[in-house]
Amino acid sequence: MVTLPSARDFLHGFGTDHYKAATLAVLGAEGELRYGGGPDRTTPANDKYWARIAAQVVDQRQETLRLETKRWVTTGLVYVQLFAPITDRRGQPRLDAIAELVKNAFWTHQNEEIEFTNAWINDNVAAEPQWIRANVISNFAYRQFI
């Protein structure tokens, strides 16, 4: 059964696996990770590629009215916030390639428990002094039976 904690674990694991695979493919090394609510809240060194993964529940609704089993659907957004060092002259094309690979992972994922739809890249993110940024965002949904 999918619950909010198990969904969060899945989303963080999914984001981690595909971010690491994307950075390994593009950079030849795995980028660093941070999690919303995770224990490590420090910012990586200025020369590192890194990502922050977070999920936001948008809605939870009851889908069935049967007395014996009720089914609820939870929908939300998962964010993979990507950061590239501004000092890397090839930072923008590398960040674009990483973002594309992560977005495609959401597009091609098939799972009976958690569904992803409408993944997109938002690279119109406010500039930060030390980082080039892009966000990969996807809708997710899962059902919970009670």
Protein backbone atom coordinates (compact mmCIF):
# COMPACT_ATOMS: atom_id res chain seq x y z
CA MET A 1 0.00 0.00 0.00
CA VAL A 2 1.28 3.46 -0.88
CA THR A 3 1.29 6.01 1.93
CA LEU A 4 2.74 9.50 2.09
CA PRO A 5 6.02 8.31 3.71
CA SER A 6 6.44 5.45 1.21
CA ALA A 7 5.60 7.80 -1.69
CA ARG A 8 8.17 10.33 -0.44
CA ASP A 9 10.79 7.57 -0.18
CA PHE A 10 9.96 6.41 -3.71
CA LEU A 11 10.11 9.95 -5.14
CA HIS A 12 13.44 10.70 -3.47
CA GLY A 13 14.84 7.33 -4.58
CA PHE A 14 13.59 7.81 -8.14
CA GLY A 15 15.03 11.33 -8.32
CA THR A 16 18.32 10.20 -6.80
CA ASP A 17 18.79 7.26 -9.16
CA HIS A 18 18.01 9.24 -12.29
CA TYR A 19 19.94 12.35 -11.26
CA LYS A 20 23.03 10.25 -10.50
CA ALA A 21 22.68 8.40 -13.81
CA ALA A 22 22.28 11.69 -15.71
CA THR A 23 25.29 13.35 -14.10
CA LEU A 24 27.37 10.22 -14.63
CA ALA A 25 26.41 10.20 -18.33
CA VAL A 26 27.04 13.93 -18.85
CA LEU A 27 29.87 14.69 -16.42
CA GLY A 28 31.49 11.30 -15.91
CA ALA A 29 30.89 11.61 -12.15
CA GLU A 30 27.87 11.62 -9.87
CA GLY A 31 26.57 14.97 -8.70
CA GLU A 32 25.75 15.70 -5.08
CA LEU A 33 22.22 15.61 -3.64
CA ARG A 34 20.17 17.35 -1.00
CA TYR A 35 16.58 16.61 0.08
CA GLY A 36 13.86 18.91 1.26
CA GLY A 37 13.62 18.04 4.93
CA GLY A 38 16.77 15.92 4.75
CA PRO A 39 19.51 15.98 7.37
CA ASP A 40 22.19 17.60 5.18
CA ARG A 41 21.16 21.19 4.52
CA THR A 42 24.60 22.52 3.69
CA THR A 43 25.28 23.95 0.26
CA PRO A 44 27.90 22.03 -1.74
CA ALA A 45 31.17 23.66 -2.77
CA ASN A 46 30.95 26.23 -5.57
CA ASP A 47 32.54 23.90 -8.13
CA LYS A 48 30.04 21.05 -7.67
CA TYR A 49 26.99 20.02 -9.66
CA TRP A 50 24.17 19.22 -7.27
CA ALA A 51 20.43 18.79 -6.99
CA ARG A 52 17.73 19.22 -4.39
CA ILE A 53 14.73 16.88 -4.53
CA ALA A 54 11.41 17.81 -2.97
CA ALA A 55 7.78 16.78 -3.30
CA GLN A 56 4.62 18.74 -2.63
CA VAL A 57 1.18 17.20 -2.15
CA VAL A 58 -1.42 19.29 -3.98
CA ASP A 59 -4.64 17.37 -3.37
CA GLN A 60 -6.05 14.29 -1.65
CA ARG A 61 -9.56 13.20 -2.60
CA GLN A 62 -11.76 10.26 -1.92
CA GLU A 63 -12.43 8.36 -5.17
CA THR A 64 -14.93 5.74 -4.03
CA LEU A 65 -17.90 5.71 -1.74
CA ARG A 66 -18.00 1.99 -1.03
CA LEU A 67 -18.34 1.21 2.64
CA GLU A 68 -15.96 -1.75 2.80
CA THR A 69 -12.96 -0.12 1.08
CA LYS A 70 -12.38 3.54 0.41
CA ARG A 71 -9.91 4.66 -2.21
CA TRP A 72 -8.15 8.00 -1.99
CA VAL A 73 -6.08 9.60 -4.72
CA THR A 74 -3.17 11.86 -3.84
CA THR A 75 -1.71 14.19 -6.44
CA GLY A 76 1.28 16.46 -6.23
CA LEU A 77 4.45 17.78 -7.77
CA VAL A 78 7.97 16.43 -7.52
CA TYR A 79 10.83 18.88 -8.07
CA VAL A 80 14.38 18.06 -9.04
CA GLN A 81 16.15 21.40 -8.66
CA LEU A 82 19.42 21.29 -10.60
CA PHE A 83 22.45 23.45 -9.89
CA ALA A 84 25.58 23.89 -12.02
CA PRO A 85 28.58 26.00 -11.03
CA ILE A 86 28.55 29.36 -12.78
CA THR A 87 32.34 29.07 -13.12
CA ASP A 88 32.01 26.09 -15.51
CA ARG A 89 32.12 27.52 -19.05
CA ARG A 90 30.17 24.49 -20.28
CA GLY A 91 27.76 24.65 -17.33
CA GLN A 92 24.63 25.62 -19.28
CA PRO A 93 24.82 22.92 -21.98
CA ARG A 94 25.73 20.33 -19.37
CA LEU A 95 22.84 21.41 -17.15
CA ASP A 96 20.50 21.25 -20.17
CA ALA A 97 21.63 17.68 -20.92
CA ILE A 98 21.19 16.58 -17.30
CA ALA A 99 17.73 18.16 -17.13
CA GLU A 100 16.66 16.47 -20.36
CA LEU A 101 17.74 13.03 -19.09
CA VAL A 102 15.92 13.49 -15.78
CA LYS A 103 12.76 14.74 -17.56
CA ASN A 104 12.83 11.75 -19.90
CA ALA A 105 13.06 9.41 -16.91
CA PHE A 106 9.72 10.78 -15.67
CA TRP A 107 8.21 10.50 -19.16
CA THR A 108 9.19 6.88 -19.62
CA HIS A 109 8.54 5.59 -16.09
CA GLN A 110 5.85 2.94 -15.73
CA ASN A 111 4.72 1.85 -12.30
CA GLU A 112 1.44 0.58 -10.97
CA GLU A 113 1.76 2.43 -7.68
CA ILE A 114 2.95 5.94 -8.59
CA GLU A 115 2.23 7.60 -11.93
CA PHE A 116 4.09 10.56 -13.41
CA THR A 117 2.53 12.92 -15.95
CA ASN A 118 3.41 16.21 -17.58
CA ALA A 119 7.13 16.40 -16.76
CA TRP A 120 8.77 19.63 -17.89
CA ILE A 121 11.93 21.70 -17.52
CA ASN A 122 11.78 25.21 -16.11
CA ASP A 123 15.07 26.93 -16.82
CA ASN A 124 13.70 30.42 -16.30
CA VAL A 125 14.70 30.32 -12.65
CA ALA A 126 15.99 33.38 -10.83
CA ALA A 127 19.75 33.61 -11.10
CA GLU A 128 21.88 32.89 -8.07
CA PRO A 129 25.37 34.33 -7.67
CA GLN A 130 27.18 30.97 -7.73
CA TRP A 131 24.85 28.67 -9.68
CA ILE A 132 23.10 28.19 -12.98
CA ARG A 133 19.72 26.65 -12.14
CA ALA A 134 16.99 24.61 -13.77
CA ASN A 135 14.06 22.70 -12.33
CA VAL A 136 12.62 19.44 -13.63
CA ILE A 137 9.04 19.18 -12.41
CA SER A 138 6.50 16.39 -12.79
CA ASN A 139 3.00 15.73 -11.59
CA PHE A 140 2.60 12.52 -9.63
CA ALA A 141 -0.41 10.56 -8.39
CA TYR A 142 -0.96 7.51 -6.24
CA ARG A 143 -3.92 5.72 -4.73
CA GLN A 144 -4.34 4.66 -1.15
CA PHE A 145 -6.89 2.12 0.03
CA ILE A 146 -8.30 2.29 3.53
